[in-house]
Amino acid sequence: MTSINRRSLLAGIAATGVLSAASTAQSQTPYRAKPADFKGKSVLITGCSSGFGRLAAEMLARQGARVFATMRALPRPEAEQLRILALNEKLDLHVIEIDVTRPEQIAAGVAEAEMINGAPLDVLVNNAGIGITSPVEVQDLAATQLIFATNVFGPHLMARAVLPGMRKQGTGQLIQISSQLGRVISPYSGHYSATKFALEAMSEQLAYELVPHKIDVSIIQPGGYPTKVWVNRNTYSAALKQRAEDIHTAGYPAQVARMGMEDGSGRGADPMDVAQAIAGLIAMPPGKRPLRLPVHPGAKPQVPINEVSAQVQVDWLGNSGVGPMIRAVHER
């Protein structure tokens, strides 16, 4: 393995400039897919009751994909709305119940989708996620277990459920919805960054390990968007605030007072950016899709971290026994 230090790393980046220039140029604007015909493509998306998942499900179905829009707690109005939309527009769109914190629902839901599809799935979009704000000290075990179960264990179990079929057919694609907070940290956001950092690491490892099976893994890193995630976050944060113990909340009076009071203000970007990014990744040729795709019209503080991280991986392991996998992911 190659020995590296901070000075040699930075010198290497400055000398080549190739990776940095390519990834920076790609990440400065949301990836906009050209109109594409996804007929014959099967896509399962988690968290489709609202936000990115709902928008992506509708758009991909209208572009010809067979979409499995999953959500928890059926029956619910959002599921019925999607079913009516599919009927009225004659879309190949199927609503399936999956709560990603329940392994039995994941197994049953993926099996149902594969049965309807008559074959393994082509694309999994791990979109379902939650946030619970407050200082880390205030996060109790229940809140910690819930956010990790949703944001980390759920995507892991979903990937495990679809990968045997994808490996059997010799192709497939995983798209993980992370966040810019999966690379940078904002104080008082609870364990959100911790879970998204974990999701990023797990997804990058999957990307390497799935190269021999011709399965692509891409991580979308959205900035702040005005979706229903803020409403759900308030619900979880308010519940935590209600049961939190004074011994932990006493050190953070101003932050605790705001728990459950977020309104998503100041976030005017169009959530369709993320739906378009999902479509764009699906439309790209296999083996050419980027590992990470920052999406937001505003600041993208994670970009230099993405660049340095990629260069570290190539410099450290690019000439080792796993080098071909590393290079296949980072030198697309």
C-alpha atoms as a PDB file:
ATOM      1  CA  MET A   1       0.000   0.000   0.000  1.00  0.00           C
ATOM      2  CA  THR A   2       1.166   3.529  -0.735  1.00  0.00           C
ATOM      3  CA  SER A   3       2.189   5.646   2.257  1.00  0.00           C
ATOM      4  CA  ILE A   4       0.572   9.084   2.253  1.00  0.00           C
ATOM      5  CA  ASN A   5       0.554  12.148   4.444  1.00  0.00           C
ATOM      6  CA  ARG A   6      -1.291  15.452   4.303  1.00  0.00           C
ATOM      7  CA  ARG A   7       1.497  17.250   2.434  1.00  0.00           C
ATOM      8  CA  SER A   8       1.910  14.577  -0.241  1.00  0.00           C
ATOM      9  CA  LEU A   9      -1.853  14.298  -0.637  1.00  0.00           C
ATOM     10  CA  LEU A  10      -2.345  18.013  -1.227  1.00  0.00           C
ATOM     11  CA  ALA A  11       0.650  18.137  -3.536  1.00  0.00           C
ATOM     12  CA  GLY A  12      -0.767  15.268  -5.564  1.00  0.00           C
ATOM     13  CA  ILE A  13      -4.111  16.963  -5.910  1.00  0.00           C
ATOM     14  CA  ALA A  14      -2.486  20.220  -6.955  1.00  0.00           C
ATOM     15  CA  ALA A  15      -0.272  18.440  -9.463  1.00  0.00           C
ATOM     16  CA  THR A  16      -2.960  16.423 -11.206  1.00  0.00           C
ATOM     17  CA  GLY A  17      -6.022  18.611 -10.745  1.00  0.00           C
ATOM     18  CA  VAL A  18      -7.968  16.102 -12.791  1.00  0.00           C
ATOM     19  CA  LEU A  19     -10.221  14.615 -10.130  1.00  0.00           C
ATOM     20  CA  SER A  20     -10.805  17.975  -8.474  1.00  0.00           C
ATOM     21  CA  ALA A  21     -11.712  19.781 -11.660  1.00  0.00           C
ATOM     22  CA  ALA A  22     -14.020  17.043 -12.854  1.00  0.00           C
ATOM     23  CA  SER A  23     -15.935  16.601  -9.625  1.00  0.00           C
ATOM     24  CA  THR A  24     -16.220  20.335  -8.956  1.00  0.00           C
ATOM     25  CA  ALA A  25     -17.593  21.055 -12.403  1.00  0.00           C
ATOM     26  CA  GLN A  26     -20.084  18.235 -12.108  1.00  0.00           C
ATOM     27  CA  SER A  27     -21.346  19.283  -8.699  1.00  0.00           C
ATOM     28  CA  GLN A  28     -21.894  22.998  -9.170  1.00  0.00           C
ATOM     29  CA  THR A  29     -25.404  22.591 -10.610  1.00  0.00           C
ATOM     30  CA  PRO A  30     -28.087  19.950 -10.063  1.00  0.00           C
ATOM     31  CA  TYR A  31     -27.803  17.107 -12.539  1.00  0.00           C
ATOM     32  CA  ARG A  32     -30.561  17.677 -15.097  1.00  0.00           C
ATOM     33  CA  ALA A  33     -31.663  14.589 -16.972  1.00  0.00           C
ATOM     34  CA  LYS A  34     -32.606  14.911 -20.593  1.00  0.00           C
ATOM     35  CA  PRO A  35     -36.021  13.449 -21.445  1.00  0.00           C
ATOM     36  CA  ALA A  36     -35.523   9.713 -21.250  1.00  0.00           C
ATOM     37  CA  ASP A  37     -37.619   6.677 -21.919  1.00  0.00           C
ATOM     38  CA  PHE A  38     -37.357   4.360 -18.923  1.00  0.00           C
ATOM     39  CA  LYS A  39     -39.736   1.765 -20.330  1.00  0.00           C
ATOM     40  CA  GLY A  40     -38.615  -1.672 -19.196  1.00  0.00           C
ATOM     41  CA  LYS A  41     -36.783  -0.245 -16.176  1.00  0.00           C
ATOM     42  CA  SER A  42     -38.020  -1.261 -12.706  1.00  0.00           C
ATOM     43  CA  VAL A  43     -37.423   1.123  -9.816  1.00  0.00           C
ATOM     44  CA  LEU A  44     -38.253   0.709  -6.128  1.00  0.00           C
ATOM     45  CA  ILE A  45     -38.244   3.904  -4.055  1.00  0.00           C
ATOM     46  CA  THR A  46     -38.652   4.110  -0.287  1.00  0.00           C
ATOM     47  CA  GLY A  47     -40.329   7.013   1.493  1.00  0.00           C
ATOM     48  CA  CYS A  48     -42.804   7.959  -1.253  1.00  0.00           C
ATOM     49  CA  SER A  49     -45.546   9.571   0.832  1.00  0.00           C
ATOM     50  CA  SER A  50     -44.096  13.031   0.127  1.00  0.00           C
ATOM     51  CA  GLY A  51     -40.993  14.971  -0.858  1.00  0.00           C
ATOM     52  CA  PHE A  52     -38.217  13.581  -3.019  1.00  0.00           C
ATOM     53  CA  GLY A  53     -39.658  10.066  -3.072  1.00  0.00           C
ATOM     54  CA  ARG A  54     -43.122  11.141  -4.201  1.00  0.00           C
ATOM     55  CA  LEU A  55     -41.767  13.466  -6.899  1.00  0.00           C
ATOM     56  CA  ALA A  56     -39.335  10.854  -8.224  1.00  0.00           C
ATOM     57  CA  ALA A  57     -42.003   8.133  -8.279  1.00  0.00           C
ATOM     58  CA  GLU A  58     -44.377  10.256 -10.351  1.00  0.00           C
ATOM     59  CA  MET A  59     -41.708  11.532 -12.742  1.00  0.00           C
ATOM     60  CA  LEU A  60     -40.096   8.156 -13.422  1.00  0.00           C
ATOM     61  CA  ALA A  61     -43.476   6.489 -13.939  1.00  0.00           C
ATOM     62  CA  ARG A  62     -44.442   9.199 -16.424  1.00  0.00           C
ATOM     63  CA  GLN A  63     -41.178   8.484 -18.251  1.00  0.00           C
ATOM     64  CA  GLY A  64     -42.144   4.844 -18.667  1.00  0.00           C
ATOM     65  CA  ALA A  65     -40.545   3.127 -15.673  1.00  0.00           C
ATOM     66  CA  ARG A  66     -42.310   0.490 -13.630  1.00  0.00           C
ATOM     67  CA  VAL A  67     -42.216   2.164 -10.242  1.00  0.00           C
ATOM     68  CA  PHE A  68     -42.734   0.564  -6.855  1.00  0.00           C
ATOM     69  CA  ALA A  69     -43.541   3.472  -4.553  1.00  0.00           C
ATOM     70  CA  THR A  70     -43.212   2.308  -0.984  1.00  0.00           C
ATOM     71  CA  MET A  71     -44.296   3.966   2.234  1.00  0.00           C
ATOM     72  CA  ARG A  72     -45.140   2.991   5.777  1.00  0.00           C
ATOM     73  CA  ALA A  73     -48.415   2.854   7.714  1.00  0.00           C
ATOM     74  CA  LEU A  74     -50.837   1.832   4.975  1.00  0.00           C
ATOM     75  CA  PRO A  75     -53.624   2.564   4.380  1.00  0.00           C
ATOM     76  CA  ARG A  76     -53.071   6.312   4.203  1.00  0.00           C
ATOM     77  CA  PRO A  77     -54.339   9.144   1.962  1.00  0.00           C
ATOM     78  CA  GLU A  78     -51.000   9.585   0.189  1.00  0.00           C
ATOM     79  CA  ALA A  79     -51.078   5.973  -1.002  1.00  0.00           C
ATOM     80  CA  GLU A  80     -54.608   6.311  -2.332  1.00  0.00           C
ATOM     81  CA  GLN A  81     -53.662   9.519  -4.142  1.00  0.00           C
ATOM     82  CA  LEU A  82     -50.808   7.745  -5.901  1.00  0.00           C
ATOM     83  CA  ARG A  83     -53.017   4.813  -6.849  1.00  0.00           C
ATOM     84  CA  ILE A  84     -55.616   7.163  -8.339  1.00  0.00           C
ATOM     85  CA  LEU A  85     -52.890   9.054 -10.206  1.00  0.00           C
ATOM     86  CA  ALA A  86     -51.564   5.806 -11.660  1.00  0.00           C
ATOM     87  CA  LEU A  87     -55.055   4.757 -12.737  1.00  0.00           C
ATOM     88  CA  ASN A  88     -55.948   8.099 -14.305  1.00  0.00           C
ATOM     89  CA  GLU A  89     -52.642   8.456 -16.166  1.00  0.00           C
ATOM     90  CA  LYS A  90     -52.274   4.746 -16.937  1.00  0.00           C
ATOM     91  CA  LEU A  91     -48.915   4.614 -15.177  1.00  0.00           C
ATOM     92  CA  ASP A  92     -47.065   1.414 -14.289  1.00  0.00           C
ATOM     93  CA  LEU A  93     -46.914   2.532 -10.650  1.00  0.00           C
ATOM     94  CA  HIS A  94     -47.526   0.237  -7.684  1.00  0.00           C
ATOM     95  CA  VAL A  95     -47.852   1.276  -4.041  1.00  0.00           C
ATOM     96  CA  ILE A  96     -46.354  -1.204  -1.565  1.00  0.00           C
ATOM     97  CA  GLU A  97     -46.128  -0.965   2.210  1.00  0.00           C
ATOM     98  CA  ILE A  98     -42.581  -0.901   3.557  1.00  0.00           C
ATOM     99  CA  ASP A  99     -41.543   0.550   6.873  1.00  0.00           C
ATOM    100  CA  VAL A 100     -37.736   0.396   6.616  1.00  0.00           C
ATOM    101  CA  THR A 101     -37.461  -0.133  10.384  1.00  0.00           C
ATOM    102  CA  ARG A 102     -39.366  -3.445  10.057  1.00  0.00           C
ATOM    103  CA  PRO A 103     -37.315  -6.234   8.456  1.00  0.00           C
ATOM    104  CA  GLU A 104     -40.354  -8.402   7.796  1.00  0.00           C
ATOM    105  CA  GLN A 105     -41.986  -5.634   5.752  1.00  0.00           C
ATOM    106  CA  ILE A 106     -38.780  -5.106   3.778  1.00  0.00           C
ATOM    107  CA  ALA A 107     -38.587  -8.793   2.876  1.00  0.00           C
ATOM    108  CA  ALA A 108     -42.275  -9.015   1.981  1.00  0.00           C
ATOM    109  CA  GLY A 109     -42.316  -5.727   0.065  1.00  0.00           C
ATOM    110  CA  VAL A 110     -39.280  -6.519  -2.082  1.00  0.00           C
ATOM    111  CA  ALA A 111     -40.642 -10.011  -2.772  1.00  0.00           C
ATOM    112  CA  GLU A 112     -43.958  -8.492  -3.880  1.00  0.00           C
ATOM    113  CA  ALA A 113     -42.204  -6.013  -6.170  1.00  0.00           C
ATOM    114  CA  GLU A 114     -40.066  -8.743  -7.750  1.00  0.00           C
ATOM    115  CA  MET A 115     -43.148 -10.893  -8.247  1.00  0.00           C
ATOM    116  CA  ILE A 116     -45.045  -8.076  -9.992  1.00  0.00           C
ATOM    117  CA  ASN A 117     -41.956  -7.262 -12.048  1.00  0.00           C
ATOM    118  CA  GLY A 118     -41.411 -10.886 -12.974  1.00  0.00           C
ATOM    119  CA  ALA A 119     -37.683 -10.382 -12.492  1.00  0.00           C
ATOM    120  CA  PRO A 120     -35.175  -8.814 -10.114  1.00  0.00           C
ATOM    121  CA  LEU A 121     -35.361  -5.051  -9.723  1.00  0.00           C
ATOM    122  CA  ASP A 122     -33.141  -2.745 -11.765  1.00  0.00           C
ATOM    123  CA  VAL A 123     -32.911   0.205  -9.360  1.00  0.00           C
ATOM    124  CA  LEU A 124     -33.308   0.756  -5.616  1.00  0.00           C
ATOM    125  CA  VAL A 125     -33.625   4.329  -4.363  1.00  0.00           C
ATOM    126  CA  ASN A 126     -33.073   4.444  -0.603  1.00  0.00           C
ATOM    127  CA  ASN A 127     -34.887   7.706   0.090  1.00  0.00           C
ATOM    128  CA  ALA A 128     -36.702   7.150   3.404  1.00  0.00           C
ATOM    129  CA  GLY A 129     -35.121   9.097   6.246  1.00  0.00           C
ATOM    130  CA  ILE A 130     -35.867  11.146   9.342  1.00  0.00           C
ATOM    131  CA  GLY A 131     -34.276  13.831  11.496  1.00  0.00           C
ATOM    132  CA  ILE A 132     -34.541  14.494  15.228  1.00  0.00           C
ATOM    133  CA  THR A 133     -32.965  17.764  16.343  1.00  0.00           C
ATOM    134  CA  SER A 134     -31.395  18.863  19.650  1.00  0.00           C
ATOM    135  CA  PRO A 135     -27.939  18.609  21.227  1.00  0.00           C
ATOM    136  CA  VAL A 136     -26.456  15.120  21.141  1.00  0.00           C
ATOM    137  CA  GLU A 137     -26.607  14.906  24.939  1.00  0.00           C
ATOM    138  CA  VAL A 138     -30.398  15.295  24.821  1.00  0.00           C
ATOM    139  CA  GLN A 139     -30.830  12.409  22.365  1.00  0.00           C
ATOM    140  CA  ASP A 140     -32.064   9.449  24.405  1.00  0.00           C
ATOM    141  CA  LEU A 141     -31.766   5.787  23.449  1.00  0.00           C
ATOM    142  CA  ALA A 142     -35.220   5.663  21.861  1.00  0.00           C
ATOM    143  CA  ALA A 143     -34.467   8.615  19.569  1.00  0.00           C
ATOM    144  CA  THR A 144     -31.010   7.271  18.756  1.00  0.00           C
ATOM    145  CA  GLN A 145     -32.292   3.814  17.884  1.00  0.00           C
ATOM    146  CA  LEU A 146     -35.122   5.213  15.749  1.00  0.00           C
ATOM    147  CA  ILE A 147     -32.951   7.480  13.604  1.00  0.00           C
ATOM    148  CA  PHE A 148     -30.264   4.840  13.069  1.00  0.00           C
ATOM    149  CA  ALA A 149     -32.920   2.225  12.285  1.00  0.00           C
ATOM    150  CA  THR A 150     -34.431   4.506   9.645  1.00  0.00           C
ATOM    151  CA  ASN A 151     -31.387   6.188   8.122  1.00  0.00           C
ATOM    152  CA  VAL A 152     -28.764   3.422   8.319  1.00  0.00           C
ATOM    153  CA  PHE A 153     -30.148  -0.018   9.141  1.00  0.00           C
ATOM    154  CA  GLY A 154     -33.119   0.461   6.793  1.00  0.00           C
ATOM    155  CA  PRO A 155     -31.006   1.196   3.697  1.00  0.00           C
ATOM    156  CA  HIS A 156     -28.725  -1.704   4.634  1.00  0.00           C
ATOM    157  CA  LEU A 157     -31.637  -4.134   4.882  1.00  0.00           C
ATOM    158  CA  MET A 158     -33.168  -2.812   1.656  1.00  0.00           C
ATOM    159  CA  ALA A 159     -29.876  -3.332  -0.175  1.00  0.00           C
ATOM    160  CA  ARG A 160     -29.563  -6.865   1.223  1.00  0.00           C
ATOM    161  CA  ALA A 161     -33.082  -7.619  -0.004  1.00  0.00           C
ATOM    162  CA  VAL A 162     -32.526  -6.529  -3.627  1.00  0.00           C
ATOM    163  CA  LEU A 163     -28.865  -7.431  -4.189  1.00  0.00           C
ATOM    164  CA  PRO A 164     -29.219 -11.208  -4.632  1.00  0.00           C
ATOM    165  CA  GLY A 165     -31.547 -10.609  -7.568  1.00  0.00           C
ATOM    166  CA  MET A 166     -29.377  -7.872  -9.039  1.00  0.00           C
ATOM    167  CA  ARG A 167     -26.272 -10.051  -8.770  1.00  0.00           C
ATOM    168  CA  LYS A 168     -28.129 -12.901 -10.445  1.00  0.00           C
ATOM    169  CA  GLN A 169     -29.069 -10.743 -13.411  1.00  0.00           C
ATOM    170  CA  GLY A 170     -25.598  -9.214 -13.556  1.00  0.00           C
ATOM    171  CA  THR A 171     -26.680  -5.586 -13.373  1.00  0.00           C
ATOM    172  CA  GLY A 172     -28.350  -3.126 -11.044  1.00  0.00           C
ATOM    173  CA  GLN A 173     -28.177   0.262  -9.390  1.00  0.00           C
ATOM    174  CA  LEU A 174     -28.418   1.589  -5.839  1.00  0.00           C
ATOM    175  CA  ILE A 175     -29.129   5.291  -5.300  1.00  0.00           C
ATOM    176  CA  GLN A 176     -28.720   6.465  -1.720  1.00  0.00           C
ATOM    177  CA  ILE A 177     -30.265   9.769  -0.613  1.00  0.00           C
ATOM    178  CA  SER A 178     -27.819  11.215   1.882  1.00  0.00           C
ATOM    179  CA  SER A 179     -27.295  14.917   2.666  1.00  0.00           C
ATOM    180  CA  GLN A 180     -24.585  17.526   2.634  1.00  0.00           C
ATOM    181  CA  LEU A 181     -24.707  16.866   6.392  1.00  0.00           C
ATOM    182  CA  GLY A 182     -23.312  13.439   5.578  1.00  0.00           C
ATOM    183  CA  ARG A 183     -19.956  15.161   5.042  1.00  0.00           C
ATOM    184  CA  VAL A 184     -20.162  18.343   7.164  1.00  0.00           C
ATOM    185  CA  ILE A 185     -21.658  18.911  10.601  1.00  0.00           C
ATOM    186  CA  SER A 186     -24.098  21.522  11.905  1.00  0.00           C
ATOM    187  CA  PRO A 187     -24.383  21.751  15.718  1.00  0.00           C
ATOM    188  CA  TYR A 188     -27.660  20.813  17.394  1.00  0.00           C
ATOM    189  CA  SER A 189     -28.891  18.573  14.581  1.00  0.00           C
ATOM    190  CA  GLY A 190     -29.001  15.528  16.823  1.00  0.00           C
ATOM    191  CA  HIS A 191     -27.673  12.310  15.323  1.00  0.00           C
ATOM    192  CA  TYR A 192     -28.629  13.275  11.774  1.00  0.00           C
ATOM    193  CA  SER A 193     -25.042  13.780  10.621  1.00  0.00           C
ATOM    194  CA  ALA A 194     -23.944  10.646  12.451  1.00  0.00           C
ATOM    195  CA  THR A 195     -26.459   8.566  10.510  1.00  0.00           C
ATOM    196  CA  LYS A 196     -25.719  10.201   7.173  1.00  0.00           C
ATOM    197  CA  PHE A 197     -21.957   9.825   7.698  1.00  0.00           C
ATOM    198  CA  ALA A 198     -22.630   6.130   8.328  1.00  0.00           C
ATOM    199  CA  LEU A 199     -24.816   5.887   5.233  1.00  0.00           C
ATOM    200  CA  GLU A 200     -22.090   7.522   3.135  1.00  0.00           C
ATOM    201  CA  ALA A 201     -19.429   5.119   4.405  1.00  0.00           C
ATOM    202  CA  MET A 202     -21.608   2.058   3.928  1.00  0.00           C
ATOM    203  CA  SER A 203     -22.597   3.176   0.435  1.00  0.00           C
ATOM    204  CA  GLU A 204     -19.005   3.811  -0.648  1.00  0.00           C
ATOM    205  CA  GLN A 205     -17.977   0.382   0.594  1.00  0.00           C
ATOM    206  CA  LEU A 206     -20.890  -1.156  -1.295  1.00  0.00           C
ATOM    207  CA  ALA A 207     -19.793   0.709  -4.419  1.00  0.00           C
ATOM    208  CA  TYR A 208     -16.367  -0.967  -4.284  1.00  0.00           C
ATOM    209  CA  GLU A 209     -17.649  -4.427  -3.418  1.00  0.00           C
ATOM    210  CA  LEU A 210     -20.302  -4.409  -6.152  1.00  0.00           C
ATOM    211  CA  VAL A 211     -17.951  -3.475  -8.997  1.00  0.00           C
ATOM    212  CA  PRO A 212     -17.371  -7.151  -9.909  1.00  0.00           C
ATOM    213  CA  HIS A 213     -21.137  -7.633 -10.092  1.00  0.00           C
ATOM    214  CA  LYS A 214     -21.670  -4.601 -12.386  1.00  0.00           C
ATOM    215  CA  ILE A 215     -23.951  -2.911  -9.868  1.00  0.00           C
ATOM    216  CA  ASP A 216     -23.493   0.863  -9.568  1.00  0.00           C
ATOM    217  CA  VAL A 217     -23.881   2.770  -6.297  1.00  0.00           C
ATOM    218  CA  SER A 218     -24.397   6.539  -6.231  1.00  0.00           C
ATOM    219  CA  ILE A 219     -24.911   8.859  -3.271  1.00  0.00           C
ATOM    220  CA  ILE A 220     -27.016  11.987  -3.759  1.00  0.00           C
ATOM    221  CA  GLN A 221     -26.155  14.759  -1.292  1.00  0.00           C
ATOM    222  CA  PRO A 222     -29.022  17.289  -1.198  1.00  0.00           C
ATOM    223  CA  GLY A 223     -28.795  20.618   0.571  1.00  0.00           C
ATOM    224  CA  GLY A 224     -31.802  22.032   2.411  1.00  0.00           C
ATOM    225  CA  TYR A 225     -35.138  21.713   0.589  1.00  0.00           C
ATOM    226  CA  PRO A 226     -38.671  22.660   1.710  1.00  0.00           C
ATOM    227  CA  THR A 227     -40.132  19.152   1.967  1.00  0.00           C
ATOM    228  CA  LYS A 228     -42.328  17.532   4.603  1.00  0.00           C
ATOM    229  CA  VAL A 229     -39.211  16.289   6.356  1.00  0.00           C
ATOM    230  CA  TRP A 230     -39.439  19.428   8.489  1.00  0.00           C
ATOM    231  CA  VAL A 231     -42.972  18.564   9.638  1.00  0.00           C
ATOM    232  CA  ASN A 232     -41.937  15.031  10.567  1.00  0.00           C
ATOM    233  CA  ARG A 233     -38.784  16.307  12.246  1.00  0.00           C
ATOM    234  CA  ASN A 234     -40.876  18.605  14.429  1.00  0.00           C
ATOM    235  CA  THR A 235     -43.051  15.687  15.503  1.00  0.00           C
ATOM    236  CA  TYR A 236     -40.089  13.540  16.544  1.00  0.00           C
ATOM    237  CA  SER A 237     -38.220  16.447  18.153  1.00  0.00           C
ATOM    238  CA  ALA A 238     -41.259  17.627  20.110  1.00  0.00           C
ATOM    239  CA  ALA A 239     -41.816  14.112  21.448  1.00  0.00           C
ATOM    240  CA  LEU A 240     -38.172  13.909  22.542  1.00  0.00           C
ATOM    241  CA  LYS A 241     -38.414  17.337  24.170  1.00  0.00           C
ATOM    242  CA  GLN A 242     -41.486  16.219  26.115  1.00  0.00           C
ATOM    243  CA  ARG A 243     -39.734  13.220  27.652  1.00  0.00           C
ATOM    244  CA  ALA A 244     -36.230  14.681  27.952  1.00  0.00           C
ATOM    245  CA  GLU A 245     -34.707  14.855  31.427  1.00  0.00           C
ATOM    246  CA  ASP A 246     -33.740  18.175  32.991  1.00  0.00           C
ATOM    247  CA  ILE A 247     -30.286  16.870  33.846  1.00  0.00           C
ATOM    248  CA  HIS A 248     -29.548  16.805  30.100  1.00  0.00           C
ATOM    249  CA  THR A 249     -31.604  19.746  28.824  1.00  0.00           C
ATOM    250  CA  ALA A 250     -30.364  22.234  31.448  1.00  0.00           C
ATOM    251  CA  GLY A 251     -27.146  22.922  29.573  1.00  0.00           C
ATOM    252  CA  TYR A 252     -28.855  23.953  26.331  1.00  0.00           C
ATOM    253  CA  PRO A 253     -31.936  26.098  27.159  1.00  0.00           C
ATOM    254  CA  ALA A 254     -32.060  28.074  23.887  1.00  0.00           C
ATOM    255  CA  GLN A 255     -31.641  25.006  21.666  1.00  0.00           C
ATOM    256  CA  VAL A 256     -34.124  22.898  23.614  1.00  0.00           C
ATOM    257  CA  ALA A 257     -36.711  25.695  23.428  1.00  0.00           C
ATOM    258  CA  ARG A 258     -36.581  25.491  19.615  1.00  0.00           C
ATOM    259  CA  MET A 259     -37.060  21.719  19.451  1.00  0.00           C
ATOM    260  CA  GLY A 260     -40.180  20.949  17.451  1.00  0.00           C
ATOM    261  CA  MET A 261     -40.468  24.538  16.217  1.00  0.00           C
ATOM    262  CA  GLU A 262     -38.732  24.382  12.815  1.00  0.00           C
ATOM    263  CA  ASP A 263     -40.678  25.723   9.856  1.00  0.00           C
ATOM    264  CA  GLY A 264     -38.310  25.107   6.950  1.00  0.00           C
ATOM    265  CA  SER A 265     -38.184  28.835   6.202  1.00  0.00           C
ATOM    266  CA  GLY A 266     -35.389  30.122   4.012  1.00  0.00           C
ATOM    267  CA  ARG A 267     -35.390  26.944   1.943  1.00  0.00           C
ATOM    268  CA  GLY A 268     -36.818  27.923  -1.410  1.00  0.00           C
ATOM    269  CA  ALA A 269     -34.999  25.486  -3.693  1.00  0.00           C
ATOM    270  CA  ASP A 270     -37.119  23.210  -5.871  1.00  0.00           C
ATOM    271  CA  PRO A 271     -37.266  19.603  -4.546  1.00  0.00           C
ATOM    272  CA  MET A 272     -37.598  18.474  -8.164  1.00  0.00           C
ATOM    273  CA  ASP A 273     -33.816  18.994  -8.326  1.00  0.00           C
ATOM    274  CA  VAL A 274     -33.400  15.723  -6.451  1.00  0.00           C
ATOM    275  CA  ALA A 275     -35.979  13.864  -8.535  1.00  0.00           C
ATOM    276  CA  GLN A 276     -34.156  15.062 -11.654  1.00  0.00           C
ATOM    277  CA  ALA A 277     -30.858  13.910 -10.180  1.00  0.00           C
ATOM    278  CA  ILE A 278     -32.288  10.438  -9.584  1.00  0.00           C
ATOM    279  CA  ALA A 279     -33.536  10.281 -13.178  1.00  0.00           C
ATOM    280  CA  GLY A 280     -30.213  11.545 -14.463  1.00  0.00           C
ATOM    281  CA  LEU A 281     -28.275   8.836 -12.647  1.00  0.00           C
ATOM    282  CA  ILE A 282     -30.580   6.132 -13.989  1.00  0.00           C
ATOM    283  CA  ALA A 283     -30.207   7.500 -17.522  1.00  0.00           C
ATOM    284  CA  MET A 284     -26.399   7.462 -17.406  1.00  0.00           C
ATOM    285  CA  PRO A 285     -24.509   4.487 -18.886  1.00  0.00           C
ATOM    286  CA  PRO A 286     -23.673   1.727 -16.382  1.00  0.00           C
ATOM    287  CA  GLY A 287     -20.173   2.026 -15.018  1.00  0.00           C
ATOM    288  CA  LYS A 288     -20.074   5.770 -15.693  1.00  0.00           C
ATOM    289  CA  ARG A 289     -22.223   7.027 -12.829  1.00  0.00           C
ATOM    290  CA  PRO A 290     -20.523   9.183 -10.169  1.00  0.00           C
ATOM    291  CA  LEU A 291     -20.144   7.906  -6.639  1.00  0.00           C
ATOM    292  CA  ARG A 292     -21.312  11.196  -5.135  1.00  0.00           C
ATOM    293  CA  LEU A 293     -23.609  13.851  -6.573  1.00  0.00           C
ATOM    294  CA  PRO A 294     -24.133  17.081  -4.564  1.00  0.00           C
ATOM    295  CA  VAL A 295     -27.497  18.635  -5.445  1.00  0.00           C
ATOM    296  CA  HIS A 296     -28.554  22.174  -4.542  1.00  0.00           C
ATOM    297  CA  PRO A 297     -28.486  25.534  -6.317  1.00  0.00           C
ATOM    298  CA  GLY A 298     -26.736  27.086  -3.316  1.00  0.00           C
ATOM    299  CA  ALA A 299     -23.574  26.319  -1.402  1.00  0.00           C
ATOM    300  CA  LYS A 300     -22.146  22.797  -1.476  1.00  0.00           C
ATOM    301  CA  PRO A 301     -19.638  22.712   1.383  1.00  0.00           C
ATOM    302  CA  GLN A 302     -19.110  18.977   0.968  1.00  0.00           C
ATOM    303  CA  VAL A 303     -17.495  19.221  -2.471  1.00  0.00           C
ATOM    304  CA  PRO A 304     -13.849  19.652  -1.342  1.00  0.00           C
ATOM    305  CA  ILE A 305     -14.317  16.869   1.201  1.00  0.00           C
ATOM    306  CA  ASN A 306     -15.616  14.570  -1.532  1.00  0.00           C
ATOM    307  CA  GLU A 307     -12.616  15.429  -3.683  1.00  0.00           C
ATOM    308  CA  VAL A 308      -9.976  14.874  -1.013  1.00  0.00           C
ATOM    309  CA  SER A 309     -11.641  11.675   0.156  1.00  0.00           C
ATOM    310  CA  ALA A 310     -11.654  10.248  -3.360  1.00  0.00           C
ATOM    311  CA  GLN A 311      -7.991  11.135  -3.881  1.00  0.00           C
ATOM    312  CA  VAL A 312      -7.049   9.554  -0.544  1.00  0.00           C
ATOM    313  CA  GLN A 313      -8.746   6.305  -1.526  1.00  0.00           C
ATOM    314  CA  VAL A 314      -6.983   6.186  -4.892  1.00  0.00           C
ATOM    315  CA  ASP A 315      -3.575   7.106  -3.445  1.00  0.00           C
ATOM    316  CA  TRP A 316      -3.885   4.696  -0.532  1.00  0.00           C
ATOM    317  CA  LEU A 317      -5.439   1.634  -2.165  1.00  0.00           C
ATOM    318  CA  GLY A 318      -5.321   2.291  -5.893  1.00  0.00           C
ATOM    319  CA  ASN A 319      -2.292   0.064  -6.405  1.00  0.00           C
ATOM    320  CA  SER A 320      -3.253  -2.597  -3.864  1.00  0.00           C
ATOM    321  CA  GLY A 321      -5.100  -5.848  -4.401  1.00  0.00           C
ATOM    322  CA  VAL A 322      -8.420  -4.005  -4.254  1.00  0.00           C
ATOM    323  CA  GLY A 323      -7.096  -1.234  -6.509  1.00  0.00           C
ATOM    324  CA  PRO A 324      -9.189  -2.165  -9.556  1.00  0.00           C
ATOM    325  CA  MET A 325     -12.389  -1.749  -7.518  1.00  0.00           C
ATOM    326  CA  ILE A 326     -11.233   1.565  -6.056  1.00  0.00           C
ATOM    327  CA  ARG A 327     -10.234   2.944  -9.415  1.00  0.00           C
ATOM    328  CA  ALA A 328     -13.376   1.710 -11.119  1.00  0.00           C
ATOM    329  CA  VAL A 329     -15.440   3.823  -8.711  1.00  0.00           C
ATOM    330  CA  HIS A 330     -13.308   6.977  -8.639  1.00  0.00           C
ATOM    331  CA  GLU A 331     -11.950   7.143 -12.176  1.00  0.00           C
ATOM    332  CA  ARG A 332     -15.214   7.136 -14.079  1.00  0.00           C
END
